[in-house]
Protein backbone atom coordinates (compact mmCIF):
# COMPACT_ATOMS: atom_id res chain seq x y z
CA MET A 1 -22.42 -27.62 -31.81
CA THR A 2 -25.93 -26.26 -31.23
CA ALA A 3 -25.86 -27.21 -27.55
CA LEU A 4 -22.67 -25.21 -27.10
CA SER A 5 -24.10 -22.15 -28.89
CA SER A 6 -27.29 -22.27 -26.79
CA GLN A 7 -25.18 -22.39 -23.61
CA VAL A 8 -23.20 -19.35 -24.80
CA GLU A 9 -26.41 -17.45 -25.59
CA HIS A 10 -27.84 -18.37 -22.16
CA ALA A 11 -24.65 -17.22 -20.40
CA GLY A 12 -24.78 -13.95 -22.35
CA ALA A 13 -28.38 -13.36 -21.27
CA GLU A 14 -27.45 -13.95 -17.62
CA SER A 15 -24.59 -11.45 -17.82
CA ASP A 16 -26.91 -8.86 -19.42
CA THR A 17 -29.42 -9.38 -16.60
CA THR A 18 -26.66 -9.04 -14.00
CA LEU A 19 -25.40 -5.88 -15.69
CA GLN A 20 -28.89 -4.37 -15.72
CA LEU A 21 -29.38 -5.28 -12.05
CA ASP A 22 -26.03 -3.74 -11.11
CA SER A 23 -26.95 -0.56 -13.00
CA LEU A 24 -30.29 -0.37 -11.20
CA ILE A 25 -28.66 -0.87 -7.79
CA PHE A 26 -26.08 1.81 -8.61
CA ALA A 27 -28.80 4.28 -9.67
CA CYS A 28 -30.74 3.65 -6.44
CA ALA A 29 -27.58 4.12 -4.38
CA ILE A 30 -26.84 7.46 -6.07
CA ARG A 31 -30.39 8.67 -5.35
CA ARG A 32 -30.10 7.62 -1.72
CA LEU A 33 -26.76 9.39 -1.31
CA THR A 34 -28.26 12.55 -2.80
CA ARG A 35 -31.13 12.31 -0.31
CA GLN A 36 -28.61 11.92 2.51
CA THR A 37 -26.91 15.15 1.44
CA PHE A 38 -30.25 16.96 1.26
CA THR A 39 -31.18 15.72 4.73
CA GLY A 40 -27.87 17.04 6.03
CA CYS A 41 -28.55 20.39 4.33
CA PHE A 42 -31.88 20.65 6.13
CA PHE A 43 -30.29 20.10 9.54
CA GLY A 44 -27.35 22.35 8.67
CA VAL A 45 -29.64 25.25 7.82
CA LEU A 46 -31.56 24.84 11.06
CA THR A 47 -28.67 24.28 13.46
CA LEU A 48 -25.98 26.50 11.99
CA GLY A 49 -28.47 29.21 11.07
CA TYR A 50 -29.51 29.31 14.71
CA ALA A 51 -25.84 29.24 15.78
CA GLY A 52 -25.25 32.20 13.46
CA ASP A 53 -28.00 34.11 15.26
CA ILE A 54 -26.50 33.31 18.65
CA PHE A 55 -22.74 33.49 18.05
CA GLY A 56 -22.55 35.67 14.94
CA ARG A 57 -22.44 35.11 11.22
CA ASN A 58 -18.68 34.74 10.79
CA PRO A 59 -18.10 32.07 13.49
CA ALA A 60 -21.04 30.04 12.16
CA LEU A 61 -19.68 30.33 8.62
CA TYR A 62 -16.24 29.14 9.77
CA VAL A 63 -17.78 26.18 11.56
CA ALA A 64 -19.89 25.28 8.52
CA THR A 65 -16.85 25.51 6.25
CA TRP A 66 -14.79 23.25 8.51
CA ILE A 67 -17.64 20.73 8.74
CA LEU A 68 -17.79 20.73 4.94
CA ILE A 69 -14.00 20.25 4.64
CA VAL A 70 -13.88 17.46 7.21
CA GLY A 71 -16.86 15.67 5.66
CA THR A 72 -15.33 15.88 2.19
CA LEU A 73 -11.93 14.62 3.34
CA CYS A 74 -13.46 11.77 5.34
CA SER A 75 -15.68 10.86 2.40
CA SER A 76 -12.66 10.50 0.15
CA LEU A 77 -10.11 9.04 2.59
CA PHE A 78 -11.92 6.78 5.06
CA VAL A 79 -14.08 4.62 2.81
CA TRP A 80 -12.93 1.01 2.68
CA GLY A 81 -14.03 -2.53 3.41
CA SER A 82 -16.99 -4.50 2.21
CA PRO A 83 -19.53 -2.89 -0.13
CA GLY A 84 -22.06 -2.56 2.69
CA LEU A 85 -19.56 -0.85 5.00
CA THR A 86 -18.36 1.40 2.19
CA TYR A 87 -21.90 2.49 1.39
CA THR A 88 -22.68 3.10 5.09
CA LEU A 89 -19.56 5.22 5.58
CA LEU A 90 -20.17 7.13 2.39
CA ALA A 91 -23.80 7.82 3.34
CA SER A 92 -22.74 8.98 6.82
CA PHE A 93 -20.12 11.34 5.43
CA ARG A 94 -22.61 12.66 2.87
CA ILE A 95 -24.85 13.71 5.78
CA VAL A 96 -21.89 15.56 7.30
CA ILE A 97 -21.18 17.23 3.94
CA GLY A 98 -24.84 18.23 3.72
CA ILE A 99 -24.69 19.82 7.19
CA GLY A 100 -21.72 21.88 6.05
CA ILE A 101 -23.44 22.91 2.81
CA GLY A 102 -26.67 23.79 4.59
CA GLY A 103 -24.81 25.71 7.29
CA THR A 104 -23.27 28.06 4.76
CA TRP A 105 -26.61 29.14 3.27
CA PRO A 106 -27.95 31.36 6.10
CA SER A 107 -24.57 33.00 6.70
CA THR A 108 -23.85 33.70 3.04
CA ALA A 109 -27.36 35.04 2.49
CA ALA A 110 -26.97 37.42 5.42
CA ALA A 111 -23.48 38.44 4.27
CA ALA A 112 -24.68 39.08 0.71
CA PHE A 113 -27.60 41.16 1.96
CA GLU A 114 -25.50 43.23 4.38
CA ASN A 115 -22.66 43.84 1.94
CA ASP A 116 -22.79 47.18 0.17
CA GLU A 117 -19.97 48.81 -1.72
CA GLY A 118 -21.38 52.32 -1.58
CA ALA A 119 -21.92 52.52 -5.35
CA GLY A 120 -25.43 52.89 -6.71
CA GLY A 121 -28.51 52.12 -4.71
CA VAL A 122 -27.74 50.10 -1.60
CA TYR A 123 -30.93 48.07 -1.81
CA GLU A 124 -30.37 47.15 -5.47
CA GLN A 125 -26.77 46.13 -4.75
CA ARG A 126 -27.91 43.90 -1.89
CA LEU A 127 -30.50 42.21 -4.07
CA ARG A 128 -27.93 41.71 -6.82
CA ASN A 129 -25.51 40.10 -4.34
CA MET A 130 -28.21 37.74 -3.08
CA ALA A 131 -29.14 36.81 -6.64
CA TRP A 132 -25.51 35.93 -7.41
CA VAL A 133 -25.18 33.80 -4.26
CA PHE A 134 -28.33 31.77 -4.80
CA GLY A 135 -27.96 31.68 -8.57
CA PHE A 136 -24.60 29.94 -8.38
CA GLN A 137 -25.93 27.45 -5.84
CA GLN A 138 -28.51 26.39 -8.42
CA VAL A 139 -25.77 26.04 -11.06
CA ARG A 140 -23.83 23.79 -8.67
CA ARG A 141 -26.91 21.63 -8.07
CA THR A 142 -27.52 21.33 -11.78
CA LEU A 143 -23.95 20.23 -12.45
CA GLN A 144 -23.93 17.76 -9.56
């Protein structure tokens, strides 16, 4: 009877170790995916911000929005296969999502700064609009 109970305790310890290892791998994967999104944001700000200077704010904002939509749809629809393939596809689509997110920042900042409603001081209204835009981006990051 004691041999059986020691085998059960040993099997329980192995499953706890496996569970802890799986949790650690999952946490590392989440951090890597977040870094992929941030990397995409960096390139989105640079490329689509420059495109906004060349082609105009509204076309660049439309392109950034469509990149964000396509990346999000692909991230949710086209992830299948082995765990390695799934992670690779998800990481790739997270870069695309990051490009879309980063591409909206320069255009929305310019739109918020240029928007005035004619009421009150124009400069104060512009600053208030920019504060709302960037304030809600921080809320989104916190909730993510």
